[in-house]
């Protein structure tokens, strides 16, 4: 799925109130931006993923936080 597809899926998940899917979709978008060297954009999406992961008690919260810390977004 490309970023346009991820964006469409994010919008659909917001409409459906599906926070678990949002955590995964925001993570995927964030990871793609970071991999492409767009750290600020990636960390924006990863922050959203982190918030949803915390809200829904997902195990992914710790690994998302570690990426944010690695990029200086949290200490």
PDB file of N, CA and C in Angstrom:
ATOM      1  N   UNK A   1       0.853  -1.179   0.000  1.00  0.00           N
ATOM      2  CA  UNK A   1       0.000   0.000   0.000  1.00  0.00           C
ATOM      3  C   UNK A   1       0.893   1.234   0.000  1.00  0.00           C
ATOM      4  N   UNK A   2       0.627   2.176  -0.890  1.00  0.00           N
ATOM      5  CA  UNK A   2       1.394   3.410  -0.926  1.00  0.00           C
ATOM      6  C   UNK A   2       0.811   4.411   0.070  1.00  0.00           C
ATOM      7  N   UNK A   3       1.456   5.570   0.180  1.00  0.00           N
ATOM      8  CA  UNK A   3       0.998   6.546   1.171  1.00  0.00           C
ATOM      9  C   UNK A   3      -0.403   7.072   0.877  1.00  0.00           C
ATOM     10  N   UNK A   4      -0.784   7.172  -0.392  1.00  0.00           N
ATOM     11  CA  UNK A   4      -2.161   7.583  -0.698  1.00  0.00           C
ATOM     12  C   UNK A   4      -3.145   6.542  -0.186  1.00  0.00           C
ATOM     13  N   UNK A   5      -2.799   5.276  -0.345  1.00  0.00           N
ATOM     14  CA  UNK A   5      -3.650   4.204   0.165  1.00  0.00           C
ATOM     15  C   UNK A   5      -3.720   4.201   1.683  1.00  0.00           C
ATOM     16  N   UNK A   6      -2.579   4.448   2.316  1.00  0.00           N
ATOM     17  CA  UNK A   6      -2.557   4.520   3.781  1.00  0.00           C
ATOM     18  C   UNK A   6      -3.408   5.685   4.252  1.00  0.00           C
ATOM     19  N   UNK A   7      -3.291   6.834   3.568  1.00  0.00           N
ATOM     20  CA  UNK A   7      -4.092   8.000   3.944  1.00  0.00           C
ATOM     21  C   UNK A   7      -5.582   7.697   3.841  1.00  0.00           C
ATOM     22  N   UNK A   8      -5.993   7.050   2.771  1.00  0.00           N
ATOM     23  CA  UNK A   8      -7.406   6.686   2.608  1.00  0.00           C
ATOM     24  C   UNK A   8      -7.843   5.734   3.715  1.00  0.00           C
ATOM     25  N   UNK A   9      -6.981   4.782   4.050  1.00  0.00           N
ATOM     26  CA  UNK A   9      -7.305   3.828   5.119  1.00  0.00           C
ATOM     27  C   UNK A   9      -7.378   4.528   6.474  1.00  0.00           C
ATOM     28  N   UNK A  10      -6.507   5.511   6.697  1.00  0.00           N
ATOM     29  CA  UNK A  10      -6.546   6.288   7.947  1.00  0.00           C
ATOM     30  C   UNK A  10      -7.872   7.033   8.053  1.00  0.00           C
ATOM     31  N   UNK A  11      -8.276   7.675   6.979  1.00  0.00           N
ATOM     32  CA  UNK A  11      -9.548   8.406   6.992  1.00  0.00           C
ATOM     33  C   UNK A  11     -10.720   7.469   7.255  1.00  0.00           C
ATOM     34  N   UNK A  12     -10.696   6.290   6.637  1.00  0.00           N
ATOM     35  CA  UNK A  12     -11.767   5.312   6.848  1.00  0.00           C
ATOM     36  C   UNK A  12     -11.777   4.817   8.293  1.00  0.00           C
ATOM     37  N   UNK A  13     -10.598   4.575   8.848  1.00  0.00           N
ATOM     38  CA  UNK A  13     -10.516   4.111  10.236  1.00  0.00           C
ATOM     39  C   UNK A  13     -10.999   5.183  11.201  1.00  0.00           C
ATOM     40  N   UNK A  14     -10.696   6.451  10.913  1.00  0.00           N
ATOM     41  CA  UNK A  14     -11.224   7.546  11.737  1.00  0.00           C
ATOM     42  C   UNK A  14     -12.745   7.561  11.679  1.00  0.00           C
ATOM     43  N   UNK A  15     -13.281   7.435  10.482  1.00  0.00           N
ATOM     44  CA  UNK A  15     -14.742   7.433  10.319  1.00  0.00           C
ATOM     45  C   UNK A  15     -15.389   6.286  11.073  1.00  0.00           C
ATOM     46  N   UNK A  16     -14.707   5.142  11.107  1.00  0.00           N
ATOM     47  CA  UNK A  16     -15.242   3.957  11.781  1.00  0.00           C
ATOM     48  C   UNK A  16     -14.947   3.945  13.276  1.00  0.00           C
ATOM     49  N   UNK A  17     -14.109   4.885  13.733  1.00  0.00           N
ATOM     50  CA  UNK A  17     -13.741   4.897  15.150  1.00  0.00           C
ATOM     51  C   UNK A  17     -12.873   3.714  15.544  1.00  0.00           C
ATOM     52  N   UNK A  18     -12.070   3.218  14.598  1.00  0.00           N
ATOM     53  CA  UNK A  18     -11.249   2.026  14.805  1.00  0.00           C
ATOM     54  C   UNK A  18      -9.835   2.422  15.231  1.00  0.00           C
ATOM     55  N   UNK A  19      -9.660   2.623  16.532  1.00  0.00           N
ATOM     56  CA  UNK A  19      -8.388   3.073  17.073  1.00  0.00           C
ATOM     57  C   UNK A  19      -7.260   2.077  16.917  1.00  0.00           C
ATOM     58  N   UNK A  20      -7.567   0.794  16.974  1.00  0.00           N
ATOM     59  CA  UNK A  20      -6.527  -0.227  16.813  1.00  0.00           C
ATOM     60  C   UNK A  20      -5.957  -0.158  15.390  1.00  0.00           C
ATOM     61  N   UNK A  21      -6.819  -0.058  14.404  1.00  0.00           N
ATOM     62  CA  UNK A  21      -6.339   0.079  13.026  1.00  0.00           C
ATOM     63  C   UNK A  21      -5.576   1.383  12.836  1.00  0.00           C
ATOM     64  N   UNK A  22      -6.039   2.444  13.474  1.00  0.00           N
ATOM     65  CA  UNK A  22      -5.344   3.720  13.360  1.00  0.00           C
ATOM     66  C   UNK A  22      -3.923   3.629  13.884  1.00  0.00           C
ATOM     67  N   UNK A  23      -3.735   2.926  14.986  1.00  0.00           N
ATOM     68  CA  UNK A  23      -2.386   2.762  15.531  1.00  0.00           C
ATOM     69  C   UNK A  23      -1.475   2.098  14.501  1.00  0.00           C
ATOM     70  N   UNK A  24      -1.949   1.054  13.870  1.00  0.00           N
ATOM     71  CA  UNK A  24      -1.150   0.354  12.880  1.00  0.00           C
ATOM     72  C   UNK A  24      -0.913   1.163  11.617  1.00  0.00           C
ATOM     73  N   UNK A  25      -1.940   1.850  11.163  1.00  0.00           N
ATOM     74  CA  UNK A  25      -1.814   2.644   9.943  1.00  0.00           C
ATOM     75  C   UNK A  25      -0.887   3.834  10.145  1.00  0.00           C
ATOM     76  N   UNK A  26      -1.026   4.516  11.265  1.00  0.00           N
ATOM     77  CA  UNK A  26      -0.125   5.640  11.545  1.00  0.00           C
ATOM     78  C   UNK A  26       1.311   5.132  11.699  1.00  0.00           C
ATOM     79  N   UNK A  27       1.481   3.962  12.295  1.00  0.00           N
ATOM     80  CA  UNK A  27       2.821   3.384  12.428  1.00  0.00           C
ATOM     81  C   UNK A  27       3.413   3.112  11.057  1.00  0.00           C
ATOM     82  N   UNK A  28       2.616   2.535  10.204  1.00  0.00           N
ATOM     83  CA  UNK A  28       3.107   2.210   8.859  1.00  0.00           C
ATOM     84  C   UNK A  28       3.505   3.467   8.099  1.00  0.00           C
ATOM     85  N   UNK A  29       2.665   4.495   8.153  1.00  0.00           N
ATOM     86  CA  UNK A  29       2.988   5.757   7.483  1.00  0.00           C
ATOM     87  C   UNK A  29       4.253   6.360   8.078  1.00  0.00           C
ATOM     88  N   UNK A  30       4.340   6.371   9.405  1.00  0.00           N
ATOM     89  CA  UNK A  30       5.519   6.917  10.065  1.00  0.00           C
ATOM     90  C   UNK A  30       6.778   6.185   9.678  1.00  0.00           C
ATOM     91  N   UNK A  31       6.719   4.871   9.662  1.00  0.00           N
ATOM     92  CA  UNK A  31       7.883   4.068   9.292  1.00  0.00           C
ATOM     93  C   UNK A  31       8.312   4.347   7.848  1.00  0.00           C
ATOM     94  N   UNK A  32       7.341   4.522   6.962  1.00  0.00           N
ATOM     95  CA  UNK A  32       7.673   4.799   5.561  1.00  0.00           C
ATOM     96  C   UNK A  32       8.352   6.151   5.406  1.00  0.00           C
ATOM     97  N   UNK A  33       7.841   7.170   6.111  1.00  0.00           N
ATOM     98  CA  UNK A  33       8.475   8.488   6.043  1.00  0.00           C
ATOM     99  C   UNK A  33       9.882   8.454   6.624  1.00  0.00           C
ATOM    100  N   UNK A  34      10.045   7.807   7.761  1.00  0.00           N
ATOM    101  CA  UNK A  34      11.373   7.710   8.375  1.00  0.00           C
ATOM    102  C   UNK A  34      12.337   6.986   7.439  1.00  0.00           C
ATOM    103  N   UNK A  35      11.900   5.890   6.855  1.00  0.00           N
ATOM    104  CA  UNK A  35      12.749   5.131   5.936  1.00  0.00           C
ATOM    105  C   UNK A  35      13.160   5.963   4.725  1.00  0.00           C
ATOM    106  N   UNK A  36      12.298   6.894   4.329  1.00  0.00           N
ATOM    107  CA  UNK A  36      12.594   7.767   3.190  1.00  0.00           C
ATOM    108  C   UNK A  36      13.426   8.979   3.590  1.00  0.00           C
ATOM    109  N   UNK A  37      13.746   9.091   4.885  1.00  0.00           N
ATOM    110  CA  UNK A  37      14.557  10.203   5.358  1.00  0.00           C
ATOM    111  C   UNK A  37      13.771  11.426   5.775  1.00  0.00           C
ATOM    112  N   UNK A  38      12.452  11.341   5.759  1.00  0.00           N
ATOM    113  CA  UNK A  38      11.592  12.462   6.186  1.00  0.00           C
ATOM    114  C   UNK A  38      11.257  12.265   7.665  1.00  0.00           C
ATOM    115  N   UNK A  39      12.235  12.582   8.505  1.00  0.00           N
ATOM    116  CA  UNK A  39      12.127  12.279   9.931  1.00  0.00           C
ATOM    117  C   UNK A  39      10.997  13.060  10.602  1.00  0.00           C
ATOM    118  N   UNK A  40      10.876  14.354  10.322  1.00  0.00           N
ATOM    119  CA  UNK A  40       9.816  15.147  10.963  1.00  0.00           C
ATOM    120  C   UNK A  40       8.433  14.605  10.629  1.00  0.00           C
ATOM    121  N   UNK A  41       8.194  14.331   9.356  1.00  0.00           N
ATOM    122  CA  UNK A  41       6.896  13.795   8.951  1.00  0.00           C
ATOM    123  C   UNK A  41       6.674  12.422   9.565  1.00  0.00           C
ATOM    124  N   UNK A  42       7.708  11.596   9.531  1.00  0.00           N
ATOM    125  CA  UNK A  42       7.592  10.265  10.113  1.00  0.00           C
ATOM    126  C   UNK A  42       7.278  10.308  11.585  1.00  0.00           C
ATOM    127  N   UNK A  43       7.958  11.189  12.311  1.00  0.00           N
ATOM    128  CA  UNK A  43       7.714  11.277  13.754  1.00  0.00           C
ATOM    129  C   UNK A  43       6.331  11.834  14.062  1.00  0.00           C
ATOM    130  N   UNK A  44       5.801  12.677  13.186  1.00  0.00           N
ATOM    131  CA  UNK A  44       4.421  13.133  13.367  1.00  0.00           C
ATOM    132  C   UNK A  44       3.476  11.935  13.351  1.00  0.00           C
ATOM    133  N   UNK A  45       3.591  11.105  12.330  1.00  0.00           N
ATOM    134  CA  UNK A  45       2.717   9.935  12.227  1.00  0.00           C
ATOM    135  C   UNK A  45       2.987   8.934  13.343  1.00  0.00           C
ATOM    136  N   UNK A  46       4.246   8.760  13.709  1.00  0.00           N
ATOM    137  CA  UNK A  46       4.577   7.840  14.796  1.00  0.00           C
ATOM    138  C   UNK A  46       4.021   8.325  16.127  1.00  0.00           C
ATOM    139  N   UNK A  47       3.976   9.631  16.323  1.00  0.00           N
ATOM    140  CA  UNK A  47       3.378  10.166  17.547  1.00  0.00           C
ATOM    141  C   UNK A  47       1.896   9.816  17.608  1.00  0.00           C
ATOM    142  N   UNK A  48       1.220   9.925  16.468  1.00  0.00           N
ATOM    143  CA  UNK A  48      -0.196   9.545  16.430  1.00  0.00           C
ATOM    144  C   UNK A  48      -0.345   8.055  16.728  1.00  0.00           C
ATOM    145  N   UNK A  49       0.533   7.248  16.145  1.00  0.00           N
ATOM    146  CA  UNK A  49       0.507   5.801  16.397  1.00  0.00           C
ATOM    147  C   UNK A  49       0.733   5.517  17.876  1.00  0.00           C
ATOM    148  N   UNK A  50       1.649   6.236  18.482  1.00  0.00           N
ATOM    149  CA  UNK A  50       1.966   6.055  19.899  1.00  0.00           C
ATOM    150  C   UNK A  50       0.753   6.381  20.779  1.00  0.00           C
ATOM    151  N   UNK A  51       0.091   7.477  20.477  1.00  0.00           N
ATOM    152  CA  UNK A  51      -1.095   7.875  21.253  1.00  0.00           C
ATOM    153  C   UNK A  51      -2.183   6.803  21.167  1.00  0.00           C
ATOM    154  N   UNK A  52      -2.475   6.333  19.965  1.00  0.00           N
ATOM    155  CA  UNK A  52      -3.500   5.295  19.820  1.00  0.00           C
ATOM    156  C   UNK A  52      -3.063   3.984  20.463  1.00  0.00           C
ATOM    157  N   UNK A  53      -1.790   3.661  20.371  1.00  0.00           N
ATOM    158  CA  UNK A  53      -1.293   2.443  21.011  1.00  0.00           C
ATOM    159  C   UNK A  53      -1.450   2.510  22.525  1.00  0.00           C
ATOM    160  N   UNK A  54      -1.158   3.656  23.100  1.00  0.00           N
ATOM    161  CA  UNK A  54      -1.343   3.828  24.541  1.00  0.00           C
ATOM    162  C   UNK A  54      -2.823   3.769  24.908  1.00  0.00           C
ATOM    163  N   UNK A  55      -3.638   4.457  24.124  1.00  0.00           N
ATOM    164  CA  UNK A  55      -5.078   4.507  24.416  1.00  0.00           C
ATOM    165  C   UNK A  55      -5.702   3.120  24.400  1.00  0.00           C
ATOM    166  N   UNK A  56      -5.246   2.269  23.487  1.00  0.00           N
ATOM    167  CA  UNK A  56      -5.837   0.941  23.353  1.00  0.00           C
ATOM    168  C   UNK A  56      -5.005  -0.154  24.008  1.00  0.00           C
ATOM    169  N   UNK A  57      -3.974   0.232  24.752  1.00  0.00           N
ATOM    170  CA  UNK A  57      -3.172  -0.740  25.486  1.00  0.00           C
ATOM    171  C   UNK A  57      -2.434  -1.730  24.600  1.00  0.00           C
ATOM    172  N   UNK A  58      -1.963  -1.271  23.458  1.00  0.00           N
ATOM    173  CA  UNK A  58      -1.298  -2.155  22.503  1.00  0.00           C
ATOM    174  C   UNK A  58       0.177  -2.334  22.854  1.00  0.00           C
ATOM    175  N   UNK A  59       0.684  -3.520  22.599  1.00  0.00           N
ATOM    176  CA  UNK A  59       2.087  -3.828  22.863  1.00  0.00           C
ATOM    177  C   UNK A  59       3.034  -2.983  22.011  1.00  0.00           C
ATOM    178  N   UNK A  60       2.559  -2.485  20.903  1.00  0.00           N
ATOM    179  CA  UNK A  60       3.401  -1.707  19.994  1.00  0.00           C
ATOM    180  C   UNK A  60       3.848  -0.374  20.576  1.00  0.00           C
ATOM    181  N   UNK A  61       3.222   0.075  21.651  1.00  0.00           N
ATOM    182  CA  UNK A  61       3.566   1.386  22.229  1.00  0.00           C
ATOM    183  C   UNK A  61       5.046   1.484  22.578  1.00  0.00           C
ATOM    184  N   UNK A  62       5.618   0.446  23.161  1.00  0.00           N
ATOM    185  CA  UNK A  62       7.019   0.500  23.586  1.00  0.00           C
ATOM    186  C   UNK A  62       7.963   0.637  22.394  1.00  0.00           C
ATOM    187  N   UNK A  63       7.713  -0.104  21.325  1.00  0.00           N
ATOM    188  CA  UNK A  63       8.615  -0.018  20.176  1.00  0.00           C
ATOM    189  C   UNK A  63       8.458   1.313  19.435  1.00  0.00           C
ATOM    190  N   UNK A  64       7.235   1.836  19.390  1.00  0.00           N
ATOM    191  CA  UNK A  64       7.024   3.141  18.765  1.00  0.00           C
ATOM    192  C   UNK A  64       7.754   4.211  19.570  1.00  0.00           C
ATOM    193  N   UNK A  65       7.633   4.139  20.888  1.00  0.00           N
ATOM    194  CA  UNK A  65       8.319   5.102  21.748  1.00  0.00           C
ATOM    195  C   UNK A  65       9.819   5.052  21.525  1.00  0.00           C
ATOM    196  N   UNK A  66      10.378   3.868  21.372  1.00  0.00           N
ATOM    197  CA  UNK A  66      11.824   3.765  21.175  1.00  0.00           C
ATOM    198  C   UNK A  66      12.271   4.454  19.886  1.00  0.00           C
ATOM    199  N   UNK A  67      11.460   4.397  18.840  1.00  0.00           N
ATOM    200  CA  UNK A  67      11.790   5.100  17.593  1.00  0.00           C
ATOM    201  C   UNK A  67      11.718   6.606  17.814  1.00  0.00           C
ATOM    202  N   UNK A  68      10.689   7.063  18.529  1.00  0.00           N
ATOM    203  CA  UNK A  68      10.571   8.497  18.809  1.00  0.00           C
ATOM    204  C   UNK A  68      11.743   8.989  19.647  1.00  0.00           C
ATOM    205  N   UNK A  69      12.140   8.207  20.639  1.00  0.00           N
ATOM    206  CA  UNK A  69      13.288   8.576  21.470  1.00  0.00           C
ATOM    207  C   UNK A  69      14.556   8.643  20.618  1.00  0.00           C
ATOM    208  N   UNK A  70      14.732   7.668  19.747  1.00  0.00           N
ATOM    209  CA  UNK A  70      15.921   7.624  18.890  1.00  0.00           C
ATOM    210  C   UNK A  70      16.036   8.855  18.000  1.00  0.00           C
ATOM    211  N   UNK A  71      14.901   9.461  17.695  1.00  0.00           N
ATOM    212  CA  UNK A  71      14.898  10.647  16.845  1.00  0.00           C
ATOM    213  C   UNK A  71      14.727  11.929  17.661  1.00  0.00           C
ATOM    214  N   UNK A  72      14.962  11.835  18.961  1.00  0.00           N
ATOM    215  CA  UNK A  72      14.975  13.015  19.819  1.00  0.00           C
ATOM    216  C   UNK A  72      13.615  13.613  20.119  1.00  0.00           C
ATOM    217  N   UNK A  73      12.551  12.846  19.935  1.00  0.00           N
ATOM    218  CA  UNK A  73      11.204  13.378  20.171  1.00  0.00           C
ATOM    219  C   UNK A  73      10.752  13.210  21.625  1.00  0.00           C
ATOM    220  N   UNK A  74      11.442  12.355  22.338  1.00  0.00           N
ATOM    221  CA  UNK A  74      11.138  12.157  23.749  1.00  0.00           C
ATOM    222  C   UNK A  74      12.437  11.717  24.410  1.00  0.00           C
ATOM    223  N   UNK A  75      12.592  12.090  25.650  1.00  0.00           N
ATOM    224  CA  UNK A  75      13.824  11.715  26.369  1.00  0.00           C
ATOM    225  C   UNK A  75      13.512  10.844  27.535  1.00  0.00           C
TER     226      UNK A  75
END
